[in-house]
C-alpha atoms as a PDB file:
ATOM      1  CA  MET A   1     155.966  61.177 110.726  1.00  0.00           C
ATOM      2  CA  THR A   2     158.607  58.486 111.309  1.00  0.00           C
ATOM      3  CA  LEU A   3     156.217  55.961 112.862  1.00  0.00           C
ATOM      4  CA  SER A   4     153.828  56.460 109.950  1.00  0.00           C
ATOM      5  CA  LEU A   5     156.659  55.773 107.504  1.00  0.00           C
ATOM      6  CA  ILE A   6     157.650  52.631 109.392  1.00  0.00           C
ATOM      7  CA  PHE A   7     154.039  51.434 109.416  1.00  0.00           C
ATOM      8  CA  ILE A   8     153.749  52.022 105.664  1.00  0.00           C
ATOM      9  CA  LEU A   9     156.918  50.003 105.089  1.00  0.00           C
ATOM     10  CA  PHE A  10     155.546  47.221 107.280  1.00  0.00           C
ATOM     11  CA  VAL A  11     152.289  47.116 105.288  1.00  0.00           C
ATOM     12  CA  LEU A  12     154.244  47.171 102.023  1.00  0.00           C
ATOM     13  CA  ALA A  13     156.452  44.300 103.148  1.00  0.00           C
ATOM     14  CA  SER A  14     153.405  42.278 104.191  1.00  0.00           C
ATOM     15  CA  LEU A  15     151.721  42.959 100.847  1.00  0.00           C
ATOM     16  CA  LEU A  16     154.837  41.868  98.963  1.00  0.00           C
ATOM     17  CA  ALA A  17     154.927  38.662 100.982  1.00  0.00           C
ATOM     18  CA  PHE A  18     151.239  38.037 100.187  1.00  0.00           C
ATOM     19  CA  LEU A  19     152.036  38.519  96.490  1.00  0.00           C
ATOM     20  CA  SER A  20     154.932  36.024  96.794  1.00  0.00           C
ATOM     21  CA  PHE A  21     157.686  38.610  96.264  1.00  0.00           C
ATOM     22  CA  ARG A  22     159.579  37.037  99.140  1.00  0.00           C
ATOM     23  CA  LYS A  23     163.063  38.463  98.557  1.00  0.00           C
ATOM     24  CA  LEU A  24     161.732  41.985  98.130  1.00  0.00           C
ATOM     25  CA  SER A  25     159.470  41.483 101.135  1.00  0.00           C
ATOM     26  CA  HIS A  26     162.406  40.409 103.306  1.00  0.00           C
ATOM     27  CA  MET A  27     164.379  43.469 102.185  1.00  0.00           C
ATOM     28  CA  VAL A  28     161.550  45.898 103.085  1.00  0.00           C
ATOM     29  CA  HIS A  29     161.004  44.102 106.399  1.00  0.00           C
ATOM     30  CA  GLY A  30     164.706  44.589 107.116  1.00  0.00           C
ATOM     31  CA  ILE A  31     164.498  48.304 106.284  1.00  0.00           C
ATOM     32  CA  TRP A  32     161.584  49.067 108.600  1.00  0.00           C
ATOM     33  CA  LEU A  33     163.061  46.991 111.413  1.00  0.00           C
ATOM     34  CA  ALA A  34     166.418  48.764 111.067  1.00  0.00           C
ATOM     35  CA  LEU A  35     164.720  52.178 111.063  1.00  0.00           C
ATOM     36  CA  PHE A  36     162.576  51.238 114.057  1.00  0.00           C
ATOM     37  CA  PHE A  37     165.562  50.359 116.227  1.00  0.00           C
ATOM     38  CA  LEU A  38     168.006  52.978 114.889  1.00  0.00           C
ATOM     39  CA  ILE A  39     165.462  55.722 115.564  1.00  0.00           C
ATOM     40  CA  GLY A  40     163.926  54.360 118.753  1.00  0.00           C
ATOM     41  CA  CYS A  41     167.246  53.454 120.372  1.00  0.00           C
ATOM     42  CA  GLY A  42     168.798  56.849 119.632  1.00  0.00           C
ATOM     43  CA  PRO A  43     171.494  56.791 116.899  1.00  0.00           C
ATOM     44  CA  ILE A  44     169.488  58.504 114.143  1.00  0.00           C
ATOM     45  CA  PRO A  45     167.908  61.284 116.270  1.00  0.00           C
ATOM     46  CA  GLN A  46     171.256  61.895 117.957  1.00  0.00           C
ATOM     47  CA  LEU A  47     172.940  62.380 114.576  1.00  0.00           C
ATOM     48  CA  LEU A  48     170.183  64.684 113.301  1.00  0.00           C
ATOM     49  CA  LEU A  49     170.050  66.793 116.459  1.00  0.00           C
ATOM     50  CA  GLN A  50     173.819  67.199 116.616  1.00  0.00           C
ATOM     51  CA  SER A  51     174.035  68.286 112.981  1.00  0.00           C
ATOM     52  CA  LEU A  52     171.342  70.927 113.492  1.00  0.00           C
ATOM     53  CA  GLN A  53     172.536  72.283 116.838  1.00  0.00           C
ATOM     54  CA  ALA A  54     176.331  71.948 116.684  1.00  0.00           C
ATOM     55  CA  PRO A  55     176.934  75.498 115.346  1.00  0.00           C
ATOM     56  CA  TYR A  56     175.036  76.906 118.335  1.00  0.00           C
ATOM     57  CA  LEU A  57     176.503  74.737 121.087  1.00  0.00           C
ATOM     58  CA  GLU A  58     178.504  77.607 122.617  1.00  0.00           C
ATOM     59  CA  ILE A  59     176.479  80.611 123.703  1.00  0.00           C
ATOM     60  CA  PRO A  60     178.519  83.698 122.757  1.00  0.00           C
ATOM     61  CA  ASP A  61     179.201  86.636 125.035  1.00  0.00           C
ATOM     62  CA  VAL A  62     177.311  89.570 123.558  1.00  0.00           C
ATOM     63  CA  GLU A  63     179.213  92.778 122.915  1.00  0.00           C
ATOM     64  CA  TRP A  64     176.392  95.246 123.389  1.00  0.00           C
ATOM     65  CA  LYS A  65     176.169  98.030 120.836  1.00  0.00           C
ATOM     66  CA  THR A  66     174.487 101.395 121.231  1.00  0.00           C
ATOM     67  CA  ARG A  67     171.139 100.207 119.831  1.00  0.00           C
ATOM     68  CA  ASN A  68     170.263  96.535 120.193  1.00  0.00           C
ATOM     69  CA  VAL A  69     167.235  94.483 119.203  1.00  0.00           C
ATOM     70  CA  ILE A  70     166.446  91.047 120.595  1.00  0.00           C
ATOM     71  CA  ILE A  71     164.057  89.009 118.446  1.00  0.00           C
ATOM     72  CA  LEU A  72     162.090  86.338 120.290  1.00  0.00           C
ATOM     73  CA  LEU A  73     160.538  83.774 117.946  1.00  0.00           C
ATOM     74  CA  GLY A  74     157.222  82.278 118.975  1.00  0.00           C
ATOM     75  CA  GLY A  75     157.075  78.626 119.932  1.00  0.00           C
ATOM     76  CA  GLY A  76     153.350  78.147 120.383  1.00  0.00           C
ATOM     77  CA  ASN A  77     150.660  78.863 122.959  1.00  0.00           C
ATOM     78  CA  THR A  78     148.875  76.374 125.199  1.00  0.00           C
ATOM     79  CA  GLN A  79     145.131  76.461 125.881  1.00  0.00           C
ATOM     80  CA  VAL A  80     144.821  74.901 129.336  1.00  0.00           C
ATOM     81  CA  ALA A  81     141.043  75.363 129.548  1.00  0.00           C
ATOM     82  CA  LYS A  82     138.459  77.172 127.435  1.00  0.00           C
ATOM     83  CA  HIS A  83     137.619  79.672 130.174  1.00  0.00           C
ATOM     84  CA  LEU A  84     141.313  80.566 130.693  1.00  0.00           C
ATOM     85  CA  PRO A  85     143.516  82.688 128.432  1.00  0.00           C
ATOM     86  CA  PRO A  86     146.264  80.887 126.486  1.00  0.00           C
ATOM     87  CA  GLU A  87     149.624  80.493 128.200  1.00  0.00           C
ATOM     88  CA  VAL A  88     153.201  80.401 126.924  1.00  0.00           C
ATOM     89  CA  GLY A  89     153.792  77.009 125.292  1.00  0.00           C
ATOM     90  CA  PHE A  90     156.251  74.445 126.606  1.00  0.00           C
ATOM     91  CA  PHE A  91     158.748  74.938 123.781  1.00  0.00           C
ATOM     92  CA  ALA A  92     158.685  78.723 124.238  1.00  0.00           C
ATOM     93  CA  GLN A  93     159.515  78.858 127.945  1.00  0.00           C
ATOM     94  CA  GLY A  94     163.261  78.576 127.430  1.00  0.00           C
ATOM     95  CA  ARG A  95     163.179  81.181 124.654  1.00  0.00           C
ATOM     96  CA  LEU A  96     161.306  83.597 126.899  1.00  0.00           C
ATOM     97  CA  ASN A  97     163.738  83.095 129.799  1.00  0.00           C
ATOM     98  CA  LYS A  98     166.798  83.584 127.560  1.00  0.00           C
ATOM     99  CA  THR A  99     165.282  86.778 126.135  1.00  0.00           C
ATOM    100  CA  VAL A 100     164.776  88.214 129.624  1.00  0.00           C
ATOM    101  CA  GLU A 101     168.331  87.238 130.587  1.00  0.00           C
ATOM    102  CA  LEU A 102     169.767  89.028 127.542  1.00  0.00           C
ATOM    103  CA  TYR A 103     167.568  92.081 128.097  1.00  0.00           C
ATOM    104  CA  ARG A 104     168.829  92.417 131.677  1.00  0.00           C
ATOM    105  CA  LEU A 105     172.451  92.101 130.556  1.00  0.00           C
ATOM    106  CA  CYS A 106     171.860  94.818 127.975  1.00  0.00           C
ATOM    107  CA  GLN A 107     170.360  97.087 130.621  1.00  0.00           C
ATOM    108  CA  GLN A 108     173.303  96.436 132.951  1.00  0.00           C
ATOM    109  CA  ALA A 109     175.594  97.551 130.127  1.00  0.00           C
ATOM    110  CA  ALA A 110     173.571 100.792 129.945  1.00  0.00           C
ATOM    111  CA  ARG A 111     172.684 100.261 126.298  1.00  0.00           C
ATOM    112  CA  ASP A 112     169.441 100.744 124.428  1.00  0.00           C
ATOM    113  CA  CYS A 113     167.644  97.437 123.987  1.00  0.00           C
ATOM    114  CA  LYS A 114     164.319  96.628 122.318  1.00  0.00           C
ATOM    115  CA  VAL A 115     162.587  93.248 122.257  1.00  0.00           C
ATOM    116  CA  ILE A 116     160.566  92.212 119.207  1.00  0.00           C
ATOM    117  CA  VAL A 117     158.242  89.296 119.938  1.00  0.00           C
ATOM    118  CA  SER A 118     157.255  87.578 116.697  1.00  0.00           C
ATOM    119  CA  GLY A 119     154.288  85.215 116.574  1.00  0.00           C
ATOM    120  CA  GLY A 120     150.693  85.327 115.395  1.00  0.00           C
ATOM    121  CA  ASP A 121     147.840  82.999 116.292  1.00  0.00           C
ATOM    122  CA  PRO A 122     148.293  79.879 114.094  1.00  0.00           C
ATOM    123  CA  GLN A 123     146.375  77.738 116.583  1.00  0.00           C
ATOM    124  CA  GLY A 124     143.304  79.968 116.496  1.00  0.00           C
ATOM    125  CA  TYR A 125     143.089  80.741 120.210  1.00  0.00           C
ATOM    126  CA  GLY A 126     142.005  84.331 119.638  1.00  0.00           C
ATOM    127  CA  ILE A 127     145.214  85.882 120.999  1.00  0.00           C
ATOM    128  CA  SER A 128     148.624  85.988 119.362  1.00  0.00           C
ATOM    129  CA  GLU A 129     151.742  84.318 120.701  1.00  0.00           C
ATOM    130  CA  ALA A 130     153.372  87.750 120.779  1.00  0.00           C
ATOM    131  CA  ALA A 131     150.646  89.201 123.014  1.00  0.00           C
ATOM    132  CA  THR A 132     150.749  86.166 125.322  1.00  0.00           C
ATOM    133  CA  TYR A 133     154.523  86.314 125.679  1.00  0.00           C
ATOM    134  CA  ALA A 134     154.445  90.083 126.243  1.00  0.00           C
ATOM    135  CA  VAL A 135     152.499  89.588 129.471  1.00  0.00           C
ATOM    136  CA  SER A 136     155.163  87.240 130.839  1.00  0.00           C
ATOM    137  CA  LEU A 137     158.027  89.399 129.596  1.00  0.00           C
ATOM    138  CA  GLN A 138     156.674  92.457 131.379  1.00  0.00           C
ATOM    139  CA  ALA A 139     156.108  90.447 134.557  1.00  0.00           C
ATOM    140  CA  LEU A 140     159.791  89.440 134.390  1.00  0.00           C
ATOM    141  CA  GLY A 141     161.013  93.010 134.048  1.00  0.00           C
ATOM    142  CA  VAL A 142     160.961  93.962 130.367  1.00  0.00           C
ATOM    143  CA  GLN A 143     159.712  97.558 130.136  1.00  0.00           C
ATOM    144  CA  PRO A 144     156.561  98.086 128.025  1.00  0.00           C
ATOM    145  CA  GLN A 145     158.239 100.846 126.016  1.00  0.00           C
ATOM    146  CA  ASP A 146     160.955  98.364 124.980  1.00  0.00           C
ATOM    147  CA  LEU A 147     158.484  95.775 123.626  1.00  0.00           C
ATOM    148  CA  LEU A 148     157.371  95.578 120.017  1.00  0.00           C
ATOM    149  CA  LEU A 149     154.858  92.940 118.934  1.00  0.00           C
ATOM    150  CA  GLU A 150     154.725  91.277 115.524  1.00  0.00           C
ATOM    151  CA  GLU A 151     151.351  89.501 115.566  1.00  0.00           C
ATOM    152  CA  GLN A 152     150.800  88.519 111.923  1.00  0.00           C
ATOM    153  CA  SER A 153     153.228  85.667 111.329  1.00  0.00           C
ATOM    154  CA  MET A 154     151.941  82.096 111.142  1.00  0.00           C
ATOM    155  CA  ASN A 155     155.279  80.361 110.582  1.00  0.00           C
ATOM    156  CA  THR A 156     159.044  80.886 110.735  1.00  0.00           C
ATOM    157  CA  TRP A 157     159.222  82.312 107.216  1.00  0.00           C
ATOM    158  CA  GLN A 158     156.710  84.999 108.116  1.00  0.00           C
ATOM    159  CA  ASN A 159     158.569  85.629 111.398  1.00  0.00           C
ATOM    160  CA  ALA A 160     161.495  86.768 109.277  1.00  0.00           C
ATOM    161  CA  GLN A 161     159.440  88.556 106.629  1.00  0.00           C
ATOM    162  CA  PHE A 162     157.302  90.636 108.995  1.00  0.00           C
ATOM    163  CA  THR A 163     160.075  91.320 111.496  1.00  0.00           C
ATOM    164  CA  TYR A 164     162.167  92.699 108.639  1.00  0.00           C
ATOM    165  CA  THR A 165     159.392  95.242 107.994  1.00  0.00           C
ATOM    166  CA  ILE A 166     159.577  96.408 111.610  1.00  0.00           C
ATOM    167  CA  LEU A 167     163.369  96.611 111.643  1.00  0.00           C
ATOM    168  CA  GLN A 168     163.425  98.733 108.482  1.00  0.00           C
ATOM    169  CA  LYS A 169     161.772 101.532 110.474  1.00  0.00           C
ATOM    170  CA  MET A 170     164.231 101.401 113.379  1.00  0.00           C
ATOM    171  CA  PRO A 171     167.821 102.540 113.918  1.00  0.00           C
ATOM    172  CA  VAL A 172     169.606  99.269 114.763  1.00  0.00           C
ATOM    173  CA  ASP A 173     173.254  98.452 115.443  1.00  0.00           C
ATOM    174  CA  GLN A 174     172.845  94.805 116.409  1.00  0.00           C
ATOM    175  CA  VAL A 175     170.118  92.157 116.037  1.00  0.00           C
ATOM    176  CA  ILE A 176     170.069  89.112 118.319  1.00  0.00           C
ATOM    177  CA  LEU A 177     167.905  86.140 117.363  1.00  0.00           C
ATOM    178  CA  VAL A 178     166.638  83.908 120.181  1.00  0.00           C
ATOM    179  CA  SER A 179     165.093  80.529 119.525  1.00  0.00           C
ATOM    180  CA  SER A 180     165.527  76.842 120.308  1.00  0.00           C
ATOM    181  CA  GLY A 181     168.842  75.328 119.267  1.00  0.00           C
ATOM    182  CA  ILE A 182     167.146  72.956 116.835  1.00  0.00           C
ATOM    183  CA  HIS A 183     165.258  75.865 115.231  1.00  0.00           C
ATOM    184  CA  LEU A 184     168.110  78.330 114.772  1.00  0.00           C
ATOM    185  CA  HIS A 185     169.644  76.953 111.557  1.00  0.00           C
ATOM    186  CA  ARG A 186     166.399  77.272 109.600  1.00  0.00           C
ATOM    187  CA  SER A 187     165.519  80.587 111.259  1.00  0.00           C
ATOM    188  CA  GLN A 188     168.913  82.102 110.505  1.00  0.00           C
ATOM    189  CA  THR A 189     168.572  80.987 106.870  1.00  0.00           C
ATOM    190  CA  TYR A 190     165.203  82.703 106.544  1.00  0.00           C
ATOM    191  CA  PHE A 191     166.398  85.908 108.212  1.00  0.00           C
ATOM    192  CA  ALA A 192     169.467  85.970 105.954  1.00  0.00           C
ATOM    193  CA  HIS A 193     167.126  85.816 102.950  1.00  0.00           C
ATOM    194  CA  PHE A 194     165.786  89.209 104.028  1.00  0.00           C
ATOM    195  CA  SER A 195     169.326  90.522 104.528  1.00  0.00           C
ATOM    196  CA  MET A 196     169.115  90.559 108.294  1.00  0.00           C
ATOM    197  CA  PRO A 197     172.495  89.725 109.815  1.00  0.00           C
ATOM    198  CA  VAL A 198     171.679  88.295 113.232  1.00  0.00           C
ATOM    199  CA  LEU A 199     173.594  86.968 116.214  1.00  0.00           C
ATOM    200  CA  PRO A 200     171.885  83.619 116.901  1.00  0.00           C
ATOM    201  CA  ILE A 201     171.596  82.514 120.528  1.00  0.00           C
ATOM    202  CA  ARG A 202     170.005  79.228 121.497  1.00  0.00           C
ATOM    203  CA  ALA A 203     167.556  79.050 124.362  1.00  0.00           C
ATOM    204  CA  ASP A 204     167.706  75.278 124.754  1.00  0.00           C
ATOM    205  CA  TYR A 205     169.467  72.176 123.455  1.00  0.00           C
ATOM    206  CA  LEU A 206     167.763  68.863 122.646  1.00  0.00           C
ATOM    207  CA  ARG A 207     169.405  65.464 122.986  1.00  0.00           C
ATOM    208  CA  ALA A 208     168.382  61.939 122.080  1.00  0.00           C
ATOM    209  CA  PHE A 209     168.552  59.159 124.653  1.00  0.00           C
ATOM    210  CA  ARG A 210     170.539  56.004 123.947  1.00  0.00           C
ATOM    211  CA  SER A 211     168.507  52.993 125.012  1.00  0.00           C
ATOM    212  CA  ALA A 212     168.543  49.233 124.571  1.00  0.00           C
ATOM    213  CA  LEU A 213     164.821  49.383 123.792  1.00  0.00           C
ATOM    214  CA  PRO A 214     163.106  51.881 121.445  1.00  0.00           C
ATOM    215  CA  LEU A 215     161.752  55.002 123.159  1.00  0.00           C
ATOM    216  CA  ALA A 216     158.809  57.108 122.001  1.00  0.00           C
ATOM    217  CA  TYR A 217     160.846  60.188 122.978  1.00  0.00           C
ATOM    218  CA  ASN A 218     163.450  59.392 120.305  1.00  0.00           C
ATOM    219  CA  PHE A 219     160.757  59.136 117.630  1.00  0.00           C
ATOM    220  CA  ALA A 220     159.450  62.570 118.691  1.00  0.00           C
ATOM    221  CA  MET A 221     162.952  64.066 118.523  1.00  0.00           C
ATOM    222  CA  THR A 222     163.442  62.578 115.058  1.00  0.00           C
ATOM    223  CA  ASP A 223     160.192  64.124 113.862  1.00  0.00           C
ATOM    224  CA  LEU A 224     161.246  67.538 115.196  1.00  0.00           C
ATOM    225  CA  ALA A 225     164.638  67.295 113.510  1.00  0.00           C
ATOM    226  CA  LEU A 226     163.164  66.145 110.191  1.00  0.00           C
ATOM    227  CA  HIS A 227     160.689  69.045 110.293  1.00  0.00           C
ATOM    228  CA  GLU A 228     163.617  71.465 110.490  1.00  0.00           C
ATOM    229  CA  CYS A 229     165.576  69.669 107.752  1.00  0.00           C
ATOM    230  CA  LEU A 230     162.580  69.627 105.415  1.00  0.00           C
ATOM    231  CA  GLY A 231     161.894  73.304 106.075  1.00  0.00           C
ATOM    232  CA  TRP A 232     165.487  74.166 105.187  1.00  0.00           C
ATOM    233  CA  LEU A 233     165.315  71.994 102.044  1.00  0.00           C
ATOM    234  CA  ARG A 234     161.990  73.496 101.004  1.00  0.00           C
ATOM    235  CA  TYR A 235     163.492  76.985 101.254  1.00  0.00           C
ATOM    236  CA  HIS A 236     166.267  76.091  98.790  1.00  0.00           C
ATOM    237  CA  VAL A 237     163.863  74.328  96.414  1.00  0.00           C
ATOM    238  CA  TYR A 238     161.509  77.318  96.458  1.00  0.00           C
ATOM    239  CA  ASN A 239     164.447  79.658  95.956  1.00  0.00           C
ATOM    240  CA  TYR A 240     165.550  77.662  92.912  1.00  0.00           C
ATOM    241  CA  LEU A 241     162.019  77.783  91.492  1.00  0.00           C
ATOM    242  CA  GLY A 242     161.668  81.501  92.291  1.00  0.00           C
ATOM    243  CA  TRP A 243     158.739  80.981  94.646  1.00  0.00           C
ATOM    244  CA  ASN A 244     160.223  82.772  97.670  1.00  0.00           C
ATOM    245  CA  VAL A 245     159.765  86.464  98.306  1.00  0.00           C
ATOM    246  CA  THR A 246     162.534  88.296  96.453  1.00  0.00           C
ATOM    247  CA  ALA A 247     165.575  88.750  98.685  1.00  0.00           C
ATOM    248  CA  THR A 248     166.612  92.276  99.486  1.00  0.00           C
ATOM    249  CA  GLN A 249     170.080  93.612  98.860  1.00  0.00           C
ATOM    250  CA  PRO A 250     172.810  92.477 101.278  1.00  0.00           C
ATOM    251  CA  HIS A 251     173.393  94.698 104.310  1.00  0.00           C
ATOM    252  CA  ALA A 252     170.103  96.517 103.727  1.00  0.00           C
ATOM    253  CA  LEU A 253     169.703  97.250 107.431  1.00  0.00           C
END
C-alpha cells in the first residue's frame, strides 16, 4: 500500500518534470522522498502503532465471574503444502496462546469458561480458521465441551456480527476479547456496535524499528496500521450513511 503510493508519487513527479512543471515536480519529489524515509526509518509506523495499541499496553488482571466467555478472533490459516491440512497462521499463534492462558486461569479460579473461536475460511482452504484453531486449543488443554466454533465470518465485522448471535443464546456474565494489540481498537468498535461489552486483552504488541536506512519491515508495519485505521474510518462512514447492520440496544446481553 505505502510503497505503491510512493511509486505513484514518483511517477507523477517525473511526469510533471517532463511537462516542465518544475516547481510542482520538485514539491512532489520532496513529498515521496520524505514519506520514503519517514516510513522506512520508523517514525511514521511507530506513531501509528503506538496510537492504535496504547490503550491495550497493560494487560489487566481478570476478575473471573460465574460464567465467562473468551472470544478468540481468527488471524488466518497457512497452507504449508497442498497435501497437508492448513495450520494456524503466524499472526494467530499469539492469540491462541493467550486464549489458552486465560482459559487455564479461569479453570484455576473454578469458574465456568467457554471459548468461542471466530473465523471462517476467507482464503478458500476448505477448512475454517475456527476448526483449525480448535485442534490446537484442544491439544493445549481446552476441553471440547467448552469450545464453540463460529465458522461463517470472513472479516472482523462478521466476527462481531455472528459471535453476537451465539452469545444471545448463552447465559454470560463476562466476555473477554482476545486479539492482536493492533487489531483490538477496530474489533472493540465493531463488537460495541452489536452491544457487546467486552474486556479486550492483547495477545501481542507490534513495534517499529528505528533505523538510519529504510527497512522493508517498517513499510509492512505501516500497511498493517493503515489497514486498521481505514477499517475504523470505514465503519464510521458506513454508520453515517446507514449502511451498517442496525445496532442493537445497549446492554442487550
